[in-house]
Amino acid sequence: MFIRAYLRASTDDQDASRARDYLETFVSGYGKAIASCYMENASGSHADRPELIRLLKDARRGDVLLVESIDRLSRMDDQAWRSLKTAIDNRG
């Protein structure tokens, strides 16, 4: 099992490292560590984000996906969100 963190900032002025610090503190409270971080500055309304695509390719059954909040993963419409959720579910 790997813990994978997806971190997204929507503008160049925002910084996803604060979210990484928060998630690292969260998992360390359970005696765990994040194995891989996927960080990018991109709009959450599109699925064609390079780090999101890399995360989906890397993910294996039993892995844990952490995001600071659901809007960091997606701000897509309902149909696109369902497609992304299915892609995540299919990875395990």
N, C-alpha and C. Protein backbone atom coordinates (compact mmCIF):
# COMPACT_ATOMS: atom_id res chain seq x y z
N MET A 1 0.84 -1.18 0.00
CA MET A 1 0.00 0.00 0.00
C MET A 1 0.88 1.24 0.00
N PHE A 2 0.60 2.15 -0.90
CA PHE A 2 1.27 3.44 -0.96
C PHE A 2 0.25 4.52 -0.65
N ILE A 3 0.68 5.53 0.05
CA ILE A 3 -0.15 6.71 0.27
C ILE A 3 0.31 7.74 -0.75
N ARG A 4 -0.61 8.15 -1.61
CA ARG A 4 -0.31 9.11 -2.67
C ARG A 4 -1.11 10.39 -2.41
N ALA A 5 -0.44 11.52 -2.46
CA ALA A 5 -1.09 12.81 -2.20
C ALA A 5 -1.17 13.60 -3.49
N TYR A 6 -2.37 14.06 -3.81
CA TYR A 6 -2.56 14.94 -4.97
C TYR A 6 -2.76 16.36 -4.45
N LEU A 7 -1.91 17.27 -4.92
CA LEU A 7 -1.91 18.66 -4.45
C LEU A 7 -2.04 19.57 -5.66
N ARG A 8 -3.07 20.40 -5.65
CA ARG A 8 -3.29 21.29 -6.79
C ARG A 8 -3.55 22.70 -6.31
N ALA A 9 -2.84 23.63 -6.91
CA ALA A 9 -3.12 25.05 -6.74
C ALA A 9 -3.64 25.55 -8.09
N SER A 10 -4.63 26.41 -8.07
CA SER A 10 -5.25 26.80 -9.33
C SER A 10 -4.58 28.00 -10.00
N THR A 11 -3.73 28.71 -9.28
CA THR A 11 -3.03 29.84 -9.88
C THR A 11 -1.56 29.79 -9.49
N ASP A 12 -0.74 30.50 -10.24
CA ASP A 12 0.69 30.56 -9.92
C ASP A 12 0.94 31.27 -8.60
N ASP A 13 -0.01 32.12 -8.17
CA ASP A 13 0.14 32.84 -6.91
C ASP A 13 -0.13 31.95 -5.70
N GLN A 14 -0.81 30.84 -5.91
CA GLN A 14 -1.10 29.91 -4.82
C GLN A 14 0.03 28.90 -4.70
N ASP A 15 0.14 28.30 -3.53
CA ASP A 15 1.23 27.36 -3.27
C ASP A 15 0.66 26.11 -2.62
N ALA A 16 0.89 24.97 -3.25
CA ALA A 16 0.35 23.71 -2.74
C ALA A 16 1.20 23.13 -1.61
N SER A 17 2.35 23.74 -1.30
CA SER A 17 3.21 23.17 -0.26
C SER A 17 2.56 23.24 1.12
N ARG A 18 1.70 24.23 1.37
CA ARG A 18 0.98 24.30 2.64
C ARG A 18 0.10 23.07 2.81
N ALA A 19 -0.57 22.68 1.73
CA ALA A 19 -1.42 21.49 1.77
C ALA A 19 -0.57 20.24 1.99
N ARG A 20 0.60 20.19 1.37
CA ARG A 20 1.49 19.03 1.56
C ARG A 20 1.89 18.92 3.03
N ASP A 21 2.24 20.04 3.65
CA ASP A 21 2.61 20.02 5.07
C ASP A 21 1.44 19.51 5.92
N TYR A 22 0.24 19.98 5.60
CA TYR A 22 -0.95 19.55 6.34
C TYR A 22 -1.16 18.04 6.21
N LEU A 23 -1.08 17.52 4.98
CA LEU A 23 -1.30 16.09 4.76
C LEU A 23 -0.19 15.24 5.37
N GLU A 24 1.05 15.72 5.33
CA GLU A 24 2.15 14.98 5.95
C GLU A 24 1.95 14.89 7.47
N THR A 25 1.50 15.98 8.08
CA THR A 25 1.20 15.96 9.51
C THR A 25 0.06 15.00 9.81
N PHE A 26 -0.97 15.02 8.97
CA PHE A 26 -2.12 14.13 9.14
C PHE A 26 -1.69 12.67 9.13
N VAL A 27 -0.96 12.24 8.11
CA VAL A 27 -0.59 10.83 8.01
C VAL A 27 0.43 10.43 9.08
N SER A 28 1.29 11.35 9.48
CA SER A 28 2.27 11.01 10.51
C SER A 28 1.58 10.73 11.84
N GLY A 29 0.41 11.31 12.05
CA GLY A 29 -0.37 11.03 13.24
C GLY A 29 -0.84 9.59 13.31
N TYR A 30 -0.81 8.91 12.19
CA TYR A 30 -1.18 7.49 12.12
C TYR A 30 0.05 6.61 11.93
N GLY A 31 1.24 7.20 12.11
CA GLY A 31 2.47 6.44 11.97
C GLY A 31 2.79 6.07 10.53
N LYS A 32 2.27 6.82 9.60
CA LYS A 32 2.47 6.55 8.16
C LYS A 32 3.21 7.72 7.52
N ALA A 33 3.56 7.54 6.26
CA ALA A 33 4.22 8.59 5.49
C ALA A 33 3.66 8.59 4.07
N ILE A 34 3.68 9.74 3.45
CA ILE A 34 3.27 9.85 2.05
C ILE A 34 4.39 9.31 1.18
N ALA A 35 4.06 8.37 0.32
CA ALA A 35 5.06 7.74 -0.55
C ALA A 35 5.33 8.58 -1.80
N SER A 36 4.31 9.29 -2.28
CA SER A 36 4.47 10.04 -3.51
C SER A 36 3.51 11.23 -3.52
N CYS A 37 4.04 12.38 -3.95
CA CYS A 37 3.22 13.59 -4.08
C CYS A 37 3.11 13.97 -5.55
N TYR A 38 1.95 14.40 -5.93
CA TYR A 38 1.66 14.84 -7.29
C TYR A 38 1.18 16.29 -7.17
N MET A 39 2.05 17.24 -7.52
CA MET A 39 1.75 18.66 -7.33
C MET A 39 1.68 19.36 -8.68
N GLU A 40 0.66 20.22 -8.81
CA GLU A 40 0.57 21.01 -10.03
C GLU A 40 -0.23 22.28 -9.81
N ASN A 41 0.02 23.24 -10.67
CA ASN A 41 -0.77 24.46 -10.73
C ASN A 41 -1.62 24.36 -11.99
N ALA A 42 -2.89 24.10 -11.81
CA ALA A 42 -3.78 23.91 -12.95
C ALA A 42 -5.22 24.08 -12.50
N SER A 43 -6.07 24.38 -13.43
CA SER A 43 -7.49 24.48 -13.13
C SER A 43 -8.05 23.10 -12.80
N GLY A 44 -8.91 23.04 -11.81
CA GLY A 44 -9.55 21.78 -11.45
C GLY A 44 -10.74 21.45 -12.32
N SER A 45 -11.05 22.31 -13.28
CA SER A 45 -12.22 22.06 -14.13
C SER A 45 -11.89 21.22 -15.36
N HIS A 46 -10.61 20.83 -15.50
CA HIS A 46 -10.20 20.00 -16.63
C HIS A 46 -9.55 18.72 -16.13
N ALA A 47 -9.77 17.63 -16.85
CA ALA A 47 -9.19 16.34 -16.46
C ALA A 47 -7.82 16.11 -17.06
N ASP A 48 -7.42 16.91 -18.02
CA ASP A 48 -6.15 16.68 -18.71
C ASP A 48 -4.98 17.36 -17.98
N ARG A 49 -4.87 17.07 -16.70
CA ARG A 49 -3.78 17.62 -15.88
C ARG A 49 -2.67 16.58 -15.80
N PRO A 50 -1.44 16.94 -16.17
CA PRO A 50 -0.35 15.96 -16.23
C PRO A 50 -0.12 15.18 -14.94
N GLU A 51 -0.14 15.84 -13.81
CA GLU A 51 0.11 15.13 -12.55
C GLU A 51 -1.06 14.25 -12.16
N LEU A 52 -2.27 14.67 -12.46
CA LEU A 52 -3.44 13.82 -12.21
C LEU A 52 -3.37 12.57 -13.07
N ILE A 53 -3.00 12.74 -14.32
CA ILE A 53 -2.86 11.59 -15.22
C ILE A 53 -1.76 10.66 -14.73
N ARG A 54 -0.65 11.22 -14.28
CA ARG A 54 0.45 10.39 -13.75
C ARG A 54 0.00 9.64 -12.50
N LEU A 55 -0.76 10.31 -11.63
CA LEU A 55 -1.29 9.66 -10.43
C LEU A 55 -2.16 8.47 -10.82
N LEU A 56 -3.05 8.66 -11.77
CA LEU A 56 -3.94 7.57 -12.18
C LEU A 56 -3.15 6.41 -12.79
N LYS A 57 -2.07 6.70 -13.49
CA LYS A 57 -1.24 5.63 -14.06
C LYS A 57 -0.46 4.90 -12.97
N ASP A 58 0.00 5.63 -11.96
CA ASP A 58 0.82 5.04 -10.90
C ASP A 58 0.00 4.25 -9.88
N ALA A 59 -1.25 4.65 -9.66
CA ALA A 59 -2.06 4.07 -8.59
C ALA A 59 -2.29 2.57 -8.80
N ARG A 60 -2.27 1.87 -7.69
CA ARG A 60 -2.50 0.43 -7.68
C ARG A 60 -3.59 0.10 -6.65
N ARG A 61 -4.18 -1.07 -6.80
CA ARG A 61 -5.21 -1.52 -5.86
C ARG A 61 -4.64 -1.48 -4.45
N GLY A 62 -5.39 -0.91 -3.54
CA GLY A 62 -4.98 -0.82 -2.14
C GLY A 62 -4.26 0.47 -1.78
N ASP A 63 -3.89 1.27 -2.78
CA ASP A 63 -3.25 2.55 -2.48
C ASP A 63 -4.27 3.51 -1.87
N VAL A 64 -3.76 4.47 -1.16
CA VAL A 64 -4.59 5.51 -0.55
C VAL A 64 -4.32 6.81 -1.29
N LEU A 65 -5.38 7.49 -1.71
CA LEU A 65 -5.27 8.79 -2.36
C LEU A 65 -5.71 9.86 -1.37
N LEU A 66 -4.81 10.79 -1.07
CA LEU A 66 -5.13 11.89 -0.17
C LEU A 66 -5.21 13.19 -0.94
N VAL A 67 -6.21 13.98 -0.63
CA VAL A 67 -6.32 15.35 -1.12
C VAL A 67 -6.75 16.20 0.06
N GLU A 68 -6.36 17.47 0.04
CA GLU A 68 -6.73 18.35 1.14
C GLU A 68 -8.25 18.53 1.21
N SER A 69 -8.87 18.67 0.07
CA SER A 69 -10.33 18.74 -0.02
C SER A 69 -10.73 18.33 -1.44
N ILE A 70 -11.96 17.94 -1.61
CA ILE A 70 -12.41 17.40 -2.89
C ILE A 70 -12.25 18.41 -4.01
N ASP A 71 -12.36 19.71 -3.71
CA ASP A 71 -12.21 20.70 -4.78
C ASP A 71 -10.77 20.83 -5.26
N ARG A 72 -9.81 20.27 -4.52
CA ARG A 72 -8.43 20.23 -5.00
C ARG A 72 -8.26 19.13 -6.04
N LEU A 73 -9.12 18.13 -5.99
CA LEU A 73 -9.09 17.04 -6.97
C LEU A 73 -9.90 17.41 -8.20
N SER A 74 -11.06 18.03 -8.00
CA SER A 74 -11.94 18.29 -9.14
C SER A 74 -12.87 19.47 -8.89
N ARG A 75 -13.01 20.27 -9.91
CA ARG A 75 -14.06 21.28 -9.98
C ARG A 75 -14.81 21.10 -11.30
N MET A 76 -14.85 19.85 -11.75
CA MET A 76 -15.47 19.51 -13.03
C MET A 76 -16.99 19.40 -12.89
N ASP A 77 -17.66 19.42 -14.03
CA ASP A 77 -19.10 19.21 -14.01
C ASP A 77 -19.40 17.77 -13.58
N ASP A 78 -20.65 17.47 -13.32
CA ASP A 78 -21.03 16.16 -12.77
C ASP A 78 -20.58 14.99 -13.64
N GLN A 79 -20.76 15.09 -14.93
CA GLN A 79 -20.40 13.98 -15.81
C GLN A 79 -18.89 13.74 -15.81
N ALA A 80 -18.11 14.80 -15.89
CA ALA A 80 -16.65 14.65 -15.88
C ALA A 80 -16.18 14.13 -14.52
N TRP A 81 -16.82 14.59 -13.43
CA TRP A 81 -16.47 14.10 -12.10
C TRP A 81 -16.76 12.61 -11.98
N ARG A 82 -17.90 12.16 -12.50
CA ARG A 82 -18.22 10.74 -12.45
C ARG A 82 -17.19 9.92 -13.23
N SER A 83 -16.74 10.43 -14.36
CA SER A 83 -15.71 9.74 -15.14
C SER A 83 -14.40 9.65 -14.37
N LEU A 84 -14.00 10.74 -13.72
CA LEU A 84 -12.77 10.73 -12.92
C LEU A 84 -12.91 9.77 -11.75
N LYS A 85 -14.05 9.81 -11.07
CA LYS A 85 -14.27 8.92 -9.93
C LYS A 85 -14.22 7.45 -10.38
N THR A 86 -14.79 7.15 -11.53
CA THR A 86 -14.73 5.79 -12.06
C THR A 86 -13.29 5.39 -12.35
N ALA A 87 -12.51 6.29 -12.93
CA ALA A 87 -11.10 6.00 -13.21
C ALA A 87 -10.34 5.71 -11.92
N ILE A 88 -10.63 6.48 -10.88
CA ILE A 88 -9.98 6.24 -9.58
C ILE A 88 -10.43 4.90 -9.01
N ASP A 89 -11.73 4.65 -9.02
CA ASP A 89 -12.26 3.39 -8.50
C ASP A 89 -11.69 2.18 -9.24
N ASN A 90 -11.50 2.30 -10.54
CA ASN A 90 -10.96 1.20 -11.33
C ASN A 90 -9.51 0.89 -10.99
N ARG A 91 -8.81 1.84 -10.42
CA ARG A 91 -7.42 1.62 -10.02
C ARG A 91 -7.35 0.89 -8.69
N GLY A 92 -8.45 0.81 -7.98
CA GLY A 92 -8.46 0.05 -6.75
C GLY A 92 -8.70 0.89 -5.57
